[in-house]
Each structure stands twice: as structure tokens, then as C-alpha cells.
Amino acid sequence: MVLSSELLALIGQGESYMVEFKKSTSDITKDVYNSVCAFSNRDGGHIFLGINDNGQILGIQPDRIEQMKKDFITSVNNENKMYPPLYLTPIQYEYNEKIILYIRVPSSSNVCRCNGRIYDRNHESDIDITNHSDEVYRLYSRKNNSYFVNKVTRFKIDSLRSDLIARARKMARSKSENHPWQSMSDAELLRSAGLILTDEYTQREGITVAAILLFGQDSTIMSILPQHKTDAIFRIINTDRYDDREIVITNLIESYDRLLTFGQKHLNNTFHLDGVQSVSARDHILREIISNLLAHRDFSSGYVSKMVIEQDRIFTENANLSHGHGILNLASFDPFQKNPPISRVFREIGLADELGSGMRNTYKYTKMYSGGEPVFMEGDIFKITVPLSQVATATIGPNIHKIPTNQNNLVSDQVNDQVNDQDIEYKIIDFCKIPRSKKDICAYLGYKNLTFFSRKYLNPLLETEKLIMTIPAKPKSRNQKYVKK
């Protein structure tokens, strides 16, 4: 059979996460079976025999083809070699008078062992994880239809914080006035959210890991998940270490608050319009990446989740039970819930939207905020990278030490001036959601010269009608205040 264009394209791309070349010109080497096991345990893959590591087609000796096929089929169906047995058949192809064998390995629903060892695929390598208990557990978790956060614990409802449950009920009501949680008791709310379950083995009812992560006391969370924490890092000047850092060790709802506050503290809130409505692109981006970081991580892993703000990007990383590998494409992305009960609560209280919308929103608001596109990388570590412009991370405002710049660089000076003006104007508008006097506004911003402030900021905002006077008939009234239109 002549080698198809699709397989030629695979060969042309070289070895990868899902493609493996084996020289095997006369016999099937033992590492072929390691690759079969690894591909079966991960997401499947393609194995080519008769091709070296560089992608050069060497071909297989013609008189060895049939014996190699027989040896392969016998081995993968032998429980002592491959368990559970795999029903795979090598396909013979010809290219430029050279013969190769192609093996398509599908992903299995079971954990596969080769000679009693467990292999997993990592980039271009087959890794023996047999003695790595954490990796083996993660592999079984990927193959299992159940979820770690659905594990029933020994704790009862009184181990949860009633104030957090009340807050969740209030947040749900603000999103939907007639939300069903309003008429439910705490126990009924937890049951409706799938946070109280019955253990399938002991038939004992209890609150789940997800319930404790969402509403548990910090001591309770640490007792079942001592590895649970999120690291927030800001590094602009001291790039070797950090300029600011906060380690967040608490429930997911308050973790969201603290991470959002950290991001707002270090990223400028530049002015943007979505149609005719002013929006905070910064806050929309933070909302999406933080909710993803908290709701979709693999909580069984000891990997420390993090949110890092740097000069030209913000990125998040978290442990992940991956269902693919590589950069996710917005057009072809197929969303997959990692922790359904946590995701559901986040949606009900307004911290997240329907599955898949986060990626679309992050694309939309990143283009608005920095003009770039975010990158979503699927793997055992899930990573979101959002590019930032200089405007986003430049230090701003009066009496604040600025990041050193080249004094001869006129473009940088102009950018910094633009950052100051845009951010101060936005702060004024935000502060004047309720009527404020000129003195109140100046005190809030740290200005003492009221005349300069009026000429530089207040008058332009009045001219563009972003602010209006509360006493327009008497512009100089001592009782005059200003409010957002």
C-alpha cells in the first residue's frame, strides 16, 4: 500500500507528543512496546517502524516484514507482556521502494502495563512512572469517570462556614432574583449543588472535598488537602525574585477575592469601550483566568498553582488532568469540565459563565486591553498566558516611585504620560459614582493644587460629559459636586 499524504504529513512534522519513530529495520525492539503502553495510557498516538529519530525513512528488510508483524501481534495480545491485551495490527506501507510499518495506538479506558511497568507519554518520551505514586494516581484519575472533588469526607455540615454559604446564596440572588437557593436550607443547597453525596462503598453520606474547598474553614481544608495554596507573584523590577507576593491559603471563594485584588493592585485599569458601554477589560480578564485557575485545577496534585504578573505578560499555571496536549485553538476547542460541582457553584454565584465562554471572553478582552491574543496550553500543567502592553504594568499616579526609564527615550515618556492621564481619569470617574466635591476628589488622588487639577482633569471630563455637576446652574457654588453621568 502506498503511503498516504496524511501519514507523510505526520512523518514530516517529526517526533512529537503523538508521533514516535523506531528504526526497527529487522526486528521489533523492546522500546516499541513501551511506546505502545505510553500512547495507550495517554491520548493515543502513531508509531512508525523503519524510520530513524530524524525522520529519515530507512525501510524494513523485506524478508523480515511478516515475522515482525507476527511478533508484534503476539506480544500485544500476551497478558504477560501487555496488560490488558491490546488488539493492534501493524499496517504495511511503501514509499520510494522502501517498506515501513505503521501502528495506530488508540487511547485506552484502562491503565496499561508493559512487562508489569506503567509508562506515560511526556513530550517525545515514554516515561516509566511505576514508582511515582502521584503520577500513577493522576493516570488512574484520568481513566476514571469519577472526580476527586466528589470524594465523600468524614466531615459534617457544621465543619463548613455558614457565612460563606449565606454569601453564596446572596451572590446567586444578585444574579437571579428568584434563584431557588433563596428558599433552601444550607443542607438543601449543598445537596442541590452535588456537594453532599453518598459514598458508593460505605454507603455513608457526607460532604465532599468540593464542599470543603468552597465553604470549608481553613483548618479543615488543610486537614484534607495540606498542599492546597495559590501563589500570586508580581515581578517587574526584581525579575530574579519578585516585587510583591501573596500566598493564598483559604477557601476558593475568598481565594478568588484575594487574587482579584492582587491583580487589580498591580495592573492599570485603562479605559475601554465595548460598543457605547465603558468596560474594565482588566477586570474581565482577571475574572476569567482566576476562575479557571481555581475551578479547573487537579486538587489531588501537589503542584503549586500560581498567578504571575510580569512586564509583558500575566500567566497562570495549575495542575491538570489533561484531555489533550498543546495549544488550544479557539475555533476547534472542545471544553471539558474538570471539577463539575465547583464549576457549577462558580456559575451560580456569578464567578464564571457557561463552559467554554471563559476562553472566548479572554480572547475578546485581551485584544481590547493589550491588542494581543492569549495562549491556552493544555497538558499536565495547564497554562494561560495573556500578553500585556507597557501601559498595563507602568507605575502610575502622584507620589509613587516610577519604574526607571531611559530619559532619552521620548516614546517611553509619552507612553508614561498617557498612562497617567488615562488611569487618573478613570479613577476620577469611578470615584464619582456618587457625588463628590472637588476637594474630595483631590484628596482621593493626592493632589493639593485645585487649580491645576481643574484645568488638567476636571474641566476636560466636564466638557466630554463624562462627569456632570450636581448644581449646573451655579458652576462655582461652594456646594458643587460632581458625579458620573
Protein backbone atom coordinates (compact mmCIF):
# COMPACT_ATOMS: atom_id res chain seq x y z
CA MET A 1 0.00 0.00 0.00
CA VAL A 2 1.35 3.44 -0.96
CA LEU A 3 1.98 5.83 1.91
CA SER A 4 -0.88 8.34 2.10
CA SER A 5 -0.41 12.12 2.13
CA GLU A 6 -1.82 12.30 5.68
CA LEU A 7 0.82 9.90 7.02
CA LEU A 8 3.54 11.65 5.03
CA ALA A 9 2.49 14.91 6.68
CA LEU A 10 2.76 13.25 10.12
CA ILE A 11 6.25 12.00 9.31
CA GLY A 12 7.24 15.43 8.01
CA GLN A 13 6.31 17.04 11.32
CA GLY A 14 8.83 14.86 13.17
CA GLU A 15 8.53 13.11 16.52
CA SER A 16 6.12 14.71 18.94
CA TYR A 17 3.72 14.09 21.77
CA MET A 18 1.68 11.78 19.48
CA VAL A 19 4.25 10.57 16.92
CA GLU A 20 7.12 8.15 17.51
CA PHE A 21 9.74 6.83 15.05
CA LYS A 22 11.52 3.49 15.58
CA LYS A 23 14.44 2.29 13.48
CA SER A 24 13.49 -1.42 13.78
CA THR A 25 14.74 -2.40 10.31
CA SER A 26 14.92 -6.13 11.04
CA ASP A 27 13.35 -6.75 14.46
CA ILE A 28 10.92 -5.01 16.78
CA THR A 29 12.93 -3.52 19.61
CA LYS A 30 11.54 -3.69 23.15
CA ASP A 31 11.10 0.11 23.39
CA VAL A 32 8.35 -0.15 20.74
CA TYR A 33 6.12 -1.78 23.36
CA ASN A 34 6.97 0.95 25.87
CA SER A 35 5.65 3.48 23.37
CA VAL A 36 2.51 1.43 22.75
CA CYS A 37 1.87 1.37 26.50
CA ALA A 38 2.55 5.12 26.89
CA PHE A 39 0.28 6.11 24.00
CA SER A 40 -2.47 3.83 25.31
CA ASN A 41 -2.24 5.43 28.74
CA ARG A 42 -2.26 8.97 27.39
CA ASP A 43 -4.17 10.20 24.32
CA GLY A 44 -3.19 7.65 21.70
CA GLY A 45 -0.55 8.10 19.01
CA HIS A 46 1.20 6.98 15.83
CA ILE A 47 4.22 4.65 15.69
CA PHE A 48 6.30 4.23 12.51
CA LEU A 49 8.76 1.34 12.20
CA GLY A 50 11.61 1.69 9.69
CA ILE A 51 12.21 5.42 10.32
CA ASN A 52 15.05 6.84 12.41
CA ASP A 53 14.75 9.57 15.05
CA ASN A 54 15.48 12.29 12.48
CA GLY A 55 12.54 11.25 10.33
CA GLN A 56 14.66 9.57 7.62
CA ILE A 57 12.85 6.64 6.03
CA LEU A 58 15.25 3.69 6.19
CA GLY A 59 12.82 0.92 5.36
CA ILE A 60 12.45 -2.59 6.78
CA GLN A 61 14.18 -5.64 5.34
CA PRO A 62 11.52 -7.25 3.07
CA ASP A 63 12.21 -10.76 4.32
CA ARG A 64 11.54 -9.65 7.93
CA ILE A 65 8.19 -7.90 7.40
CA GLU A 66 5.86 -10.86 8.06
CA GLN A 67 7.79 -12.09 11.08
CA MET A 68 7.79 -8.60 12.63
CA LYS A 69 4.01 -8.32 12.16
CA LYS A 70 3.53 -11.72 13.78
CA ASP A 71 5.85 -10.89 16.70
CA PHE A 72 4.07 -7.60 17.37
CA ILE A 73 0.54 -9.04 17.32
CA THR A 74 1.57 -11.93 19.54
CA SER A 75 3.22 -9.63 22.09
CA VAL A 76 0.44 -7.05 22.46
CA ASN A 77 -2.10 -9.87 22.90
CA ASN A 78 0.03 -11.61 25.54
CA GLU A 79 -1.18 -10.71 29.07
CA ASN A 80 2.31 -11.36 30.44
CA LYS A 81 3.68 -8.73 28.06
CA MET A 82 0.88 -6.18 27.79
CA TYR A 83 -1.96 -5.94 30.29
CA PRO A 84 -4.73 -5.56 29.47
CA PRO A 85 -4.11 -7.02 25.99
CA LEU A 86 -4.33 -4.59 23.08
CA TYR A 87 -5.75 -5.62 19.73
CA LEU A 88 -3.50 -3.75 17.32
CA THR A 89 -2.33 -4.64 13.82
CA PRO A 90 0.67 -3.08 12.01
CA ILE A 91 -0.15 -1.81 8.50
CA GLN A 92 2.43 -2.12 5.75
CA TYR A 93 3.18 0.89 3.54
CA GLU A 94 5.64 1.53 0.73
CA TYR A 95 7.46 4.78 -0.04
CA ASN A 96 10.20 5.15 -2.71
CA GLU A 97 10.57 1.35 -2.82
CA LYS A 98 11.09 1.21 0.95
CA ILE A 99 8.70 -0.61 3.28
CA ILE A 100 7.62 0.73 6.66
CA LEU A 101 5.09 -0.44 9.26
CA TYR A 102 2.54 1.92 10.77
CA ILE A 103 0.77 1.29 14.09
CA ARG A 104 -2.13 3.45 15.26
CA VAL A 105 -2.50 3.22 19.04
CA PRO A 106 -5.83 4.48 20.44
CA SER A 107 -6.24 5.82 23.96
CA SER A 108 -7.49 3.10 26.29
CA SER A 109 -10.12 3.42 29.01
CA ASN A 110 -7.88 1.28 31.26
CA VAL A 111 -4.39 1.79 32.64
CA CYS A 112 -1.98 -0.28 30.55
CA ARG A 113 1.16 -2.04 31.80
CA CYS A 114 4.08 -3.30 29.76
CA ASN A 115 6.12 -6.07 31.42
CA GLY A 116 4.50 -5.01 34.70
CA ARG A 117 5.61 -1.38 34.31
CA ILE A 118 3.41 1.68 33.72
CA TYR A 119 4.51 4.13 31.04
CA ASP A 120 3.15 7.58 30.27
CA ARG A 121 3.82 9.92 27.36
CA ASN A 122 5.59 13.20 28.05
CA HIS A 123 6.50 15.31 25.00
CA GLU A 124 8.60 12.94 22.85
CA SER A 125 9.48 10.47 25.60
CA ASP A 126 7.96 7.37 27.18
CA ILE A 127 8.32 7.79 30.95
CA ASP A 128 8.26 4.90 33.42
CA ILE A 129 6.05 6.20 36.25
CA THR A 130 5.56 2.90 38.08
CA ASN A 131 7.35 4.05 41.23
CA HIS A 132 5.91 7.58 41.17
CA SER A 133 2.73 7.22 43.19
CA ASP A 134 1.44 10.73 42.44
CA GLU A 135 1.76 10.25 38.68
CA VAL A 136 0.16 6.80 38.84
CA TYR A 137 -2.75 8.24 40.84
CA ARG A 138 -3.21 11.02 38.29
CA LEU A 139 -3.19 8.46 35.48
CA TYR A 140 -5.90 6.39 37.17
CA SER A 141 -7.86 9.59 37.79
CA ARG A 142 -7.78 10.42 34.08
CA LYS A 143 -9.09 6.96 33.25
CA ASN A 144 -11.75 7.01 35.95
CA ASN A 145 -15.14 8.55 35.25
CA SER A 146 -15.41 9.80 38.85
CA TYR A 147 -13.93 13.07 40.12
CA PHE A 148 -11.53 13.58 43.01
CA VAL A 149 -13.56 16.52 44.37
CA ASN A 150 -16.62 14.23 44.65
CA LYS A 151 -14.86 12.15 47.29
CA VAL A 152 -17.03 11.92 50.42
CA THR A 153 -15.21 13.08 53.57
CA ARG A 154 -15.73 12.31 57.25
CA PHE A 155 -16.81 15.89 57.95
CA LYS A 156 -20.35 17.16 58.52
CA ILE A 157 -22.10 20.39 57.59
CA ASP A 158 -21.02 22.07 60.84
CA SER A 159 -17.43 21.94 59.52
CA LEU A 160 -18.42 24.45 56.85
CA ARG A 161 -18.67 28.22 57.24
CA SER A 162 -22.34 29.23 57.34
CA ASP A 163 -21.37 32.83 56.49
CA LEU A 164 -19.84 31.67 53.19
CA ILE A 165 -22.92 29.65 52.31
CA ALA A 166 -25.04 32.72 53.09
CA ARG A 167 -22.77 34.82 50.91
CA ALA A 168 -23.11 32.33 48.05
CA ARG A 169 -26.88 32.47 48.43
CA LYS A 170 -26.77 36.27 48.27
CA MET A 171 -24.48 36.27 45.22
CA ALA A 172 -26.80 33.83 43.46
CA ARG A 173 -29.76 36.08 44.22
CA SER A 174 -27.96 39.13 42.79
CA LYS A 175 -27.55 37.19 39.57
CA SER A 176 -31.13 35.88 39.56
CA GLU A 177 -33.70 37.41 41.90
CA ASN A 178 -35.79 34.22 42.05
CA HIS A 179 -32.88 31.85 42.40
CA PRO A 180 -34.03 28.55 44.03
CA TRP A 181 -31.26 28.71 46.64
CA GLN A 182 -33.18 31.53 48.39
CA SER A 183 -35.77 29.15 49.80
CA MET A 184 -33.36 26.30 50.63
CA SER A 185 -31.70 25.44 53.90
CA ASP A 186 -27.92 25.05 53.92
CA ALA A 187 -28.21 21.26 53.63
CA GLU A 188 -30.67 21.52 50.75
CA LEU A 189 -28.41 24.00 48.96
CA LEU A 190 -25.42 21.70 49.30
CA ARG A 191 -27.39 18.70 48.05
CA SER A 192 -28.72 20.64 45.06
CA ALA A 193 -25.15 21.60 44.15
CA GLY A 194 -23.92 17.99 44.43
CA LEU A 195 -21.81 18.80 47.49
CA ILE A 196 -23.41 16.19 49.76
CA LEU A 197 -23.13 12.66 48.37
CA THR A 198 -23.26 9.05 49.50
CA ASP A 199 -20.03 7.05 49.37
CA GLU A 200 -20.55 4.18 46.93
CA TYR A 201 -18.50 1.76 49.04
CA THR A 202 -19.51 2.56 52.63
CA GLN A 203 -22.98 3.96 51.77
CA ARG A 204 -22.20 6.74 54.24
CA GLU A 205 -23.46 10.23 53.43
CA GLY A 206 -21.19 13.24 53.90
CA ILE A 207 -19.94 16.49 52.47
CA THR A 208 -17.49 16.23 49.60
CA VAL A 209 -14.00 17.59 49.04
CA ALA A 210 -15.57 20.19 46.73
CA ALA A 211 -17.85 21.42 49.55
CA ILE A 212 -14.86 21.89 51.85
CA LEU A 213 -12.85 23.68 49.16
CA LEU A 214 -15.74 26.07 48.55
CA PHE A 215 -17.11 26.65 52.05
CA GLY A 216 -14.73 24.98 54.49
CA GLN A 217 -12.77 26.52 57.33
CA ASP A 218 -9.08 26.93 56.54
CA SER A 219 -8.09 24.32 59.13
CA THR A 220 -10.50 21.80 57.61
CA ILE A 221 -9.15 22.43 54.11
CA MET A 222 -5.58 21.92 55.33
CA SER A 223 -6.53 18.67 57.08
CA ILE A 224 -7.67 17.02 53.83
CA LEU A 225 -5.51 18.93 51.31
CA PRO A 226 -2.31 20.14 53.00
CA GLN A 227 -0.86 21.01 49.58
CA HIS A 228 -3.65 23.47 48.77
CA LYS A 229 -2.44 27.01 48.05
CA THR A 230 -2.15 29.56 45.26
CA ASP A 231 0.94 31.72 44.76
CA ALA A 232 0.39 35.29 43.45
CA ILE A 233 3.59 36.97 42.23
CA PHE A 234 4.34 40.42 40.81
CA ARG A 235 7.80 40.90 39.29
CA ILE A 236 8.67 43.91 37.17
CA ILE A 237 11.85 45.36 38.68
CA ASN A 238 13.27 42.38 40.58
CA THR A 239 12.81 39.78 37.84
CA ASP A 240 15.00 37.21 39.59
CA ARG A 241 12.65 37.06 42.58
CA TYR A 242 9.62 39.30 42.94
CA ASP A 243 8.47 42.81 43.86
CA ASP A 244 5.31 41.65 45.62
CA ARG A 245 3.93 38.27 46.59
CA GLU A 246 0.90 36.82 48.31
CA ILE A 247 0.41 33.16 49.19
CA VAL A 248 -3.31 32.40 49.29
CA ILE A 249 -4.34 29.50 51.52
CA THR A 250 -8.09 29.61 52.03
CA ASN A 251 -11.42 28.58 50.51
CA LEU A 252 -12.00 29.08 46.78
CA ILE A 253 -14.48 31.95 47.11
CA GLU A 254 -12.18 34.09 49.24
CA SER A 255 -9.20 32.93 47.18
CA TYR A 256 -10.95 34.45 44.18
CA ASP A 257 -11.37 37.77 46.06
CA ARG A 258 -7.73 37.93 47.11
CA LEU A 259 -6.33 37.03 43.70
CA LEU A 260 -8.60 39.57 42.02
CA THR A 261 -7.49 42.27 44.45
CA PHE A 262 -3.84 41.35 43.84
CA GLY A 263 -4.31 41.66 40.08
CA GLN A 264 -6.18 44.96 40.38
CA LYS A 265 -3.43 46.29 42.63
CA HIS A 266 -0.70 45.72 40.04
CA LEU A 267 -2.44 46.15 36.67
CA ASN A 268 -3.63 49.53 35.41
CA ASN A 269 -7.32 49.82 34.64
CA THR A 270 -7.18 51.58 31.28
CA PHE A 271 -10.34 53.00 29.72
CA HIS A 272 -12.13 50.93 27.06
CA LEU A 273 -15.49 50.97 25.31
CA ASP A 274 -17.49 47.88 24.39
CA GLY A 275 -19.89 49.46 21.94
CA VAL A 276 -21.12 52.51 23.85
CA GLN A 277 -20.55 50.97 27.30
CA SER A 278 -17.33 51.59 29.23
CA VAL A 279 -15.86 48.32 30.50
CA SER A 280 -12.92 47.20 32.58
CA ALA A 281 -11.07 44.86 30.23
CA ARG A 282 -8.56 44.25 33.01
CA ASP A 283 -11.21 43.01 35.44
CA HIS A 284 -12.85 40.80 32.80
CA ILE A 285 -9.50 39.15 32.02
CA LEU A 286 -8.71 38.63 35.72
CA ARG A 287 -12.16 37.17 36.32
CA GLU A 288 -11.77 34.56 33.59
CA ILE A 289 -8.22 33.44 34.31
CA ILE A 290 -8.70 33.36 38.10
CA SER A 291 -11.96 31.39 37.93
CA ASN A 292 -10.25 28.92 35.57
CA LEU A 293 -7.23 28.67 37.88
CA LEU A 294 -9.42 27.86 40.88
CA ALA A 295 -12.25 25.81 39.42
CA HIS A 296 -10.43 23.56 36.94
CA ARG A 297 -7.23 22.54 38.73
CA ASP A 298 -6.34 19.00 39.76
CA PHE A 299 -6.63 19.29 43.54
CA SER A 300 -5.07 15.88 44.11
CA SER A 301 -1.70 17.19 42.85
CA GLY A 302 0.97 18.82 44.99
CA TYR A 303 1.88 21.25 42.18
CA VAL A 304 1.58 24.83 43.45
CA SER A 305 -0.86 26.82 41.33
CA LYS A 306 0.26 30.34 40.55
CA MET A 307 -0.66 33.66 39.01
CA VAL A 308 2.35 35.69 37.87
CA ILE A 309 2.37 39.29 36.58
CA GLU A 310 5.45 40.31 34.59
CA GLN A 311 6.37 43.32 32.47
CA ASP A 312 4.88 41.98 29.25
CA ARG A 313 2.51 39.22 30.36
CA ILE A 314 0.34 37.70 33.06
CA PHE A 315 0.17 33.93 33.26
CA THR A 316 -1.45 31.25 35.39
CA GLU A 317 -0.37 27.65 35.92
CA ASN A 318 -2.17 24.79 37.64
CA ALA A 319 -2.00 21.01 37.80
CA ASN A 320 -4.37 19.46 35.29
CA LEU A 321 -5.90 16.12 34.34
CA SER A 322 -5.28 16.75 30.67
CA HIS A 323 -7.53 15.58 27.87
CA GLY A 324 -5.12 16.59 25.13
CA HIS A 325 -1.78 18.28 24.65
CA GLY A 326 -0.61 21.52 23.10
CA ILE A 327 -2.03 24.94 22.34
CA LEU A 328 -5.82 25.10 22.32
CA ASN A 329 -7.49 26.60 19.26
CA LEU A 330 -10.49 28.84 19.89
CA ALA A 331 -12.25 27.62 16.73
CA SER A 332 -11.86 23.90 17.45
CA PHE A 333 -11.64 23.89 21.26
CA ASP A 334 -13.85 21.24 22.88
CA PRO A 335 -14.40 22.27 26.54
CA PHE A 336 -14.22 19.61 29.25
CA GLN A 337 -15.32 20.07 32.86
CA LYS A 338 -12.53 19.17 35.28
CA ASN A 339 -14.48 19.69 38.55
CA PRO A 340 -18.21 19.90 37.72
CA PRO A 341 -19.56 20.69 41.24
CA ILE A 342 -17.09 23.54 41.75
CA SER A 343 -17.75 24.89 38.26
CA ARG A 344 -21.48 24.78 38.90
CA VAL A 345 -21.24 26.80 42.11
CA PHE A 346 -18.98 29.35 40.39
CA ARG A 347 -21.59 29.74 37.64
CA GLU A 348 -24.48 30.06 40.09
CA ILE A 349 -22.78 32.83 42.07
CA GLY A 350 -21.55 34.71 39.01
CA LEU A 351 -17.80 33.98 39.16
CA ALA A 352 -17.94 32.07 35.86
CA ASP A 353 -20.24 31.59 32.88
CA GLU A 354 -21.17 28.58 30.77
CA LEU A 355 -18.46 26.08 29.86
CA GLY A 356 -16.14 27.40 27.13
CA SER A 357 -17.16 31.06 27.45
CA GLY A 358 -14.08 31.90 29.53
CA MET A 359 -11.76 31.26 26.63
CA ARG A 360 -13.85 33.39 24.27
CA ASN A 361 -14.08 36.22 26.78
CA THR A 362 -10.35 36.13 27.47
CA TYR A 363 -9.65 36.47 23.73
CA LYS A 364 -12.11 39.36 23.44
CA TYR A 365 -10.85 41.41 26.35
CA THR A 366 -7.14 40.69 25.78
CA LYS A 367 -7.42 42.20 22.29
CA MET A 368 -9.14 45.19 23.88
CA TYR A 369 -6.61 45.51 26.73
CA SER A 370 -3.29 44.91 25.01
CA GLY A 371 -4.02 44.24 21.33
CA GLY A 372 -2.60 40.71 21.59
CA GLU A 373 -4.04 37.21 21.87
CA PRO A 374 -3.92 34.90 24.89
CA VAL A 375 -2.40 31.41 24.70
CA PHE A 376 -4.06 28.41 26.35
CA MET A 377 -1.68 25.44 26.76
CA GLU A 378 -3.20 22.05 27.64
CA GLY A 379 -1.04 19.48 29.36
CA ASP A 380 -0.35 18.02 32.81
CA ILE A 381 0.23 21.67 33.70
CA PHE A 382 -2.47 23.94 32.26
CA LYS A 383 -1.13 27.40 31.43
CA ILE A 384 -2.85 30.58 30.29
CA THR A 385 -0.64 33.44 29.06
CA VAL A 386 -2.12 36.89 28.47
CA PRO A 387 0.19 39.43 26.76
CA LEU A 388 0.39 42.89 28.34
CA SER A 389 1.28 46.26 26.87
CA GLN A 390 3.60 48.71 28.61
CA VAL A 391 0.55 50.72 29.59
CA ALA A 392 -0.81 47.84 31.66
CA THR A 393 2.12 47.50 34.06
CA ALA A 394 3.64 51.01 34.11
CA THR A 395 3.70 52.54 37.57
CA ILE A 396 1.33 55.48 37.79
CA GLY A 397 -0.08 58.25 39.97
CA PRO A 398 1.40 61.07 42.10
CA ASN A 399 3.89 60.34 44.89
CA ILE A 400 4.58 56.84 43.54
CA HIS A 401 8.10 55.79 42.52
CA LYS A 402 8.15 55.09 38.82
CA ILE A 403 9.95 52.25 37.15
CA PRO A 404 13.27 53.67 35.83
CA THR A 405 13.18 54.53 32.12
CA ASN A 406 15.64 55.84 29.59
CA GLN A 407 15.42 59.62 29.89
CA ASN A 408 16.39 60.00 26.25
CA ASN A 409 13.58 57.78 25.09
CA LEU A 410 10.82 60.20 24.11
CA VAL A 411 8.43 57.42 23.14
CA SER A 412 8.62 55.89 26.62
CA ASP A 413 7.97 59.28 28.22
CA GLN A 414 4.91 59.79 26.04
CA VAL A 415 3.57 56.37 26.92
CA ASN A 416 4.02 57.02 30.64
CA ASP A 417 2.20 60.37 30.34
CA GLN A 418 -0.64 58.66 28.51
CA VAL A 419 -0.83 56.02 31.22
CA ASN A 420 -1.03 58.67 33.95
CA ASP A 421 -3.80 60.62 32.24
CA GLN A 422 -5.92 57.63 31.29
CA ASP A 423 -5.70 55.98 34.67
CA ILE A 424 -6.31 59.16 36.69
CA GLU A 425 -9.34 59.98 34.56
CA TYR A 426 -10.71 56.50 35.09
CA LYS A 427 -10.12 56.75 38.84
CA ILE A 428 -11.99 60.06 38.96
CA ILE A 429 -14.96 58.64 37.05
CA ASP A 430 -15.03 55.53 39.23
CA PHE A 431 -14.75 57.59 42.44
CA CYS A 432 -17.62 59.83 41.32
CA LYS A 433 -20.19 57.08 41.06
CA ILE A 434 -21.71 59.06 43.91
CA PRO A 435 -21.50 62.89 44.05
CA ARG A 436 -18.10 64.18 45.20
CA SER A 437 -16.73 67.66 45.85
CA LYS A 438 -13.57 68.90 44.16
CA LYS A 439 -11.71 68.71 47.47
CA ASP A 440 -12.85 65.12 47.99
CA ILE A 441 -11.58 64.11 44.57
CA CYS A 442 -8.22 65.84 45.02
CA ALA A 443 -7.75 64.29 48.46
CA TYR A 444 -8.55 60.86 46.99
CA LEU A 445 -5.90 61.30 44.26
CA GLY A 446 -3.31 63.09 46.40
CA TYR A 447 -3.42 66.47 44.62
CA LYS A 448 -3.12 69.74 46.56
CA ASN A 449 -3.27 72.23 43.67
CA LEU A 450 -7.00 72.52 42.92
CA THR A 451 -6.46 74.96 40.04
CA PHE A 452 -4.08 72.63 38.22
CA PHE A 453 -6.38 69.69 38.90
CA SER A 454 -9.38 71.52 37.42
CA ARG A 455 -7.53 72.56 34.29
CA LYS A 456 -5.80 69.20 33.74
CA TYR A 457 -8.57 66.73 34.57
CA LEU A 458 -11.88 68.08 35.85
CA ASN A 459 -12.69 70.54 33.04
CA PRO A 460 -11.98 68.01 30.22
CA LEU A 461 -14.20 65.44 31.94
CA LEU A 462 -16.99 68.01 32.21
CA GLU A 463 -16.55 69.06 28.57
CA THR A 464 -16.84 65.48 27.37
CA GLU A 465 -19.77 64.95 29.77
CA LYS A 466 -18.12 62.01 31.48
CA LEU A 467 -18.87 63.96 34.67
CA ILE A 468 -21.73 66.35 35.32
CA MET A 469 -22.37 68.98 38.00
CA THR A 470 -24.99 68.45 40.67
CA ILE A 471 -25.73 72.21 40.55
CA PRO A 472 -25.22 73.07 36.86
CA ALA A 473 -26.90 76.50 37.21
CA LYS A 474 -24.21 77.59 39.71
CA PRO A 475 -20.85 76.16 38.49
CA LYS A 476 -18.88 77.93 41.26
CA SER A 477 -21.21 77.07 44.13
CA ARG A 478 -19.37 76.03 47.31
CA ASN A 479 -21.81 73.10 47.49
CA GLN A 480 -20.96 71.97 43.98
CA LYS A 481 -20.32 68.30 43.48
CA TYR A 482 -19.51 66.12 40.51
CA VAL A 483 -20.97 62.77 39.57
CA LYS A 484 -20.56 60.20 36.82
CA LYS A 485 -23.11 60.70 34.06
